[in-house]
Protein backbone atom coordinates (compact mmCIF):
# COMPACT_ATOMS: atom_id res chain seq x y z
CA MET A 1 -31.03 -18.50 -15.72
CA THR A 2 -29.31 -15.17 -15.21
CA GLN A 3 -28.75 -14.24 -11.58
CA PRO A 4 -29.55 -10.68 -10.44
CA ARG A 5 -26.37 -8.58 -10.34
CA TYR A 6 -25.14 -5.06 -9.91
CA ASN A 7 -24.48 -3.41 -13.25
CA MET A 8 -20.70 -3.27 -13.57
CA ASP A 9 -20.67 -3.37 -17.38
CA TRP A 10 -19.17 0.14 -17.48
CA MET A 11 -15.83 -1.28 -16.23
CA LEU A 12 -15.37 -3.10 -19.53
CA ARG A 13 -16.19 -0.20 -21.86
CA ASP A 14 -12.60 1.05 -22.21
CA LEU A 15 -11.29 -2.36 -23.28
CA ALA A 16 -14.18 -2.95 -25.66
CA THR A 17 -13.78 0.42 -27.36
CA SER A 18 -10.00 0.93 -27.29
CA VAL A 19 -9.03 -2.32 -29.03
CA PRO A 20 -10.37 -2.41 -32.60
CA GLN A 21 -12.02 -5.68 -33.67
CA THR A 22 -13.18 -6.56 -30.12
CA ARG A 23 -16.53 -8.36 -30.24
CA HIS A 24 -17.42 -9.32 -26.66
CA VAL A 25 -15.90 -8.71 -23.24
CA VAL A 26 -17.18 -10.68 -20.26
CA LEU A 27 -16.13 -10.57 -16.63
CA LEU A 28 -17.07 -13.80 -14.87
CA SER A 29 -16.80 -15.59 -11.57
CA ALA A 30 -14.84 -18.83 -11.24
CA ASP A 31 -18.11 -20.75 -11.08
CA GLY A 32 -19.23 -19.40 -14.46
CA LEU A 33 -21.58 -16.55 -13.59
CA CYS A 34 -21.46 -13.36 -15.65
CA ILE A 35 -20.44 -10.40 -13.49
CA ALA A 36 -20.29 -7.79 -16.27
CA LYS A 37 -20.45 -7.70 -20.06
CA MET A 38 -19.86 -5.37 -22.97
CA GLY A 39 -20.83 -6.02 -26.59
CA ALA A 40 -22.75 -9.20 -25.79
CA ASP A 41 -26.39 -9.81 -25.02
CA GLU A 42 -27.37 -11.62 -21.79
CA GLU A 43 -27.64 -15.05 -23.41
CA THR A 44 -24.25 -14.80 -25.16
CA ALA A 45 -22.53 -13.47 -22.03
CA ASP A 46 -24.02 -16.25 -19.88
CA ARG A 47 -23.00 -18.91 -22.42
CA LEU A 48 -19.42 -17.57 -22.60
CA ALA A 49 -19.16 -17.33 -18.81
CA ALA A 50 -20.30 -20.94 -18.38
CA ALA A 51 -17.85 -22.19 -21.03
CA CYS A 52 -15.02 -20.20 -19.45
CA ALA A 53 -15.59 -21.84 -16.06
CA GLY A 54 -14.80 -25.21 -17.61
CA LEU A 55 -11.84 -23.82 -19.52
CA GLN A 56 -10.28 -22.18 -16.45
CA SER A 57 -10.69 -25.44 -14.54
CA LEU A 58 -9.00 -27.38 -17.34
CA SER A 59 -6.18 -24.81 -17.52
CA GLY A 60 -5.65 -25.08 -13.77
CA ALA A 61 -5.24 -28.85 -14.12
CA ILE A 62 -2.62 -28.30 -16.82
CA ALA A 63 -0.86 -25.62 -14.75
CA ALA A 64 -0.63 -28.09 -11.86
CA GLU A 65 1.68 -30.21 -14.04
CA PHE A 66 4.36 -27.56 -13.50
CA PRO A 67 5.44 -28.28 -9.91
CA GLU A 68 7.53 -25.12 -9.67
CA GLY A 69 4.47 -22.94 -10.30
CA ASP A 70 1.46 -22.16 -8.12
CA GLY A 71 -0.97 -24.20 -10.25
CA ARG A 72 -3.09 -21.23 -11.27
CA MET A 73 -4.12 -20.24 -14.77
CA LYS A 74 -2.99 -16.77 -15.87
CA LEU A 75 -3.88 -16.54 -19.57
CA VAL A 76 -5.42 -18.78 -22.21
CA ALA A 77 -5.52 -17.75 -25.87
CA ILE A 78 -7.35 -19.77 -28.52
CA GLU A 79 -7.33 -19.06 -32.24
CA VAL A 80 -10.39 -20.23 -34.17
CA ASP A 81 -11.64 -19.58 -37.69
CA CYS A 82 -12.38 -15.85 -37.93
CA GLY A 83 -11.13 -14.85 -34.49
CA PHE A 84 -9.42 -15.19 -31.15
CA PHE A 85 -10.56 -15.98 -27.64
CA TYR A 86 -8.67 -14.76 -24.55
CA LEU A 87 -9.24 -15.74 -20.92
CA MET A 88 -7.24 -14.05 -18.15
CA ALA A 89 -7.30 -14.36 -14.37
CA ALA A 90 -8.69 -11.08 -13.01
CA GLY A 91 -8.55 -11.25 -9.23
CA ALA A 92 -9.49 -13.82 -6.63
CA GLY A 93 -12.24 -15.91 -8.19
CA ALA A 94 -12.76 -13.69 -11.25
CA TYR A 95 -11.80 -13.97 -14.93
CA LEU A 96 -11.83 -11.68 -17.95
CA ALA A 97 -12.89 -13.21 -21.30
CA VAL A 98 -12.66 -11.54 -24.71
CA LEU A 99 -13.75 -12.59 -28.19
CA ALA A 100 -12.10 -10.65 -31.02
CA GLU A 101 -11.91 -10.71 -34.81
CA ASP A 102 -8.96 -12.42 -36.49
CA THR A 103 -7.44 -9.04 -37.40
CA VAL A 104 -7.13 -7.89 -33.76
CA ASP A 105 -3.75 -6.62 -32.58
CA ALA A 106 -2.88 -9.42 -30.11
CA GLY A 107 -0.21 -7.33 -28.36
CA LEU A 108 -2.59 -4.42 -27.81
CA MET A 109 -5.30 -6.79 -26.58
CA GLY A 110 -2.94 -8.37 -24.04
CA GLN A 111 -1.73 -4.98 -22.85
CA CYS A 112 -5.27 -3.61 -22.44
CA MET A 113 -6.50 -6.76 -20.68
CA ARG A 114 -3.58 -6.62 -18.21
CA SER A 115 -4.27 -2.92 -17.62
CA LEU A 116 -7.96 -3.56 -16.92
CA VAL A 117 -7.15 -6.45 -14.56
CA ALA A 118 -4.64 -4.26 -12.71
CA ARG A 119 -7.27 -1.51 -12.29
CA VAL A 120 -10.26 -3.60 -11.25
CA GLY A 121 -8.73 -6.84 -9.96
CA GLU A 122 -8.45 -5.69 -6.36
CA HIS A 123 -12.11 -4.61 -6.40
CA LEU A 124 -13.17 -8.08 -7.52
CA SER A 125 -11.47 -9.83 -4.63
CA SER A 126 -13.09 -10.40 -1.27
CA PRO A 127 -10.82 -9.99 1.74
CA PRO A 128 -10.85 -12.88 4.22
CA ARG A 129 -13.40 -12.53 7.00
CA VAL A 130 -12.71 -13.01 10.68
CA ASP A 131 -15.71 -13.30 12.97
CA GLY A 132 -18.00 -12.00 10.23
CA ARG A 133 -15.93 -8.86 9.57
CA SER A 134 -13.39 -8.04 6.87
CA ALA A 135 -9.86 -8.66 8.06
């Protein structure tokens, strides 16, 4: 069931329209809830967000095998028949997922995803609270 949310879909419009062959863009929480979407209906966005929660957890387990790192997932790219899937960390507890056609420019997609994360990532993070107030 879709949870009520503020409409933040507009944040994803630039990525969805500036990279040709982009199908769906979904911003999700670490627990698999859709925060924003572009190019996907509610059911598709919710399904992708739920699948991504499992994938980011699996990637974190793999990242933990590198003791010199911090154990966090930064980017996952999967090539499937007819397309690509990208999942990128996008702030504390948030991830950016993209489905694109197989003819997408992977370099442009990576650049635009990093740019979007840099612009909105800080707004997706919650500062620590001390005595019920933001620190």
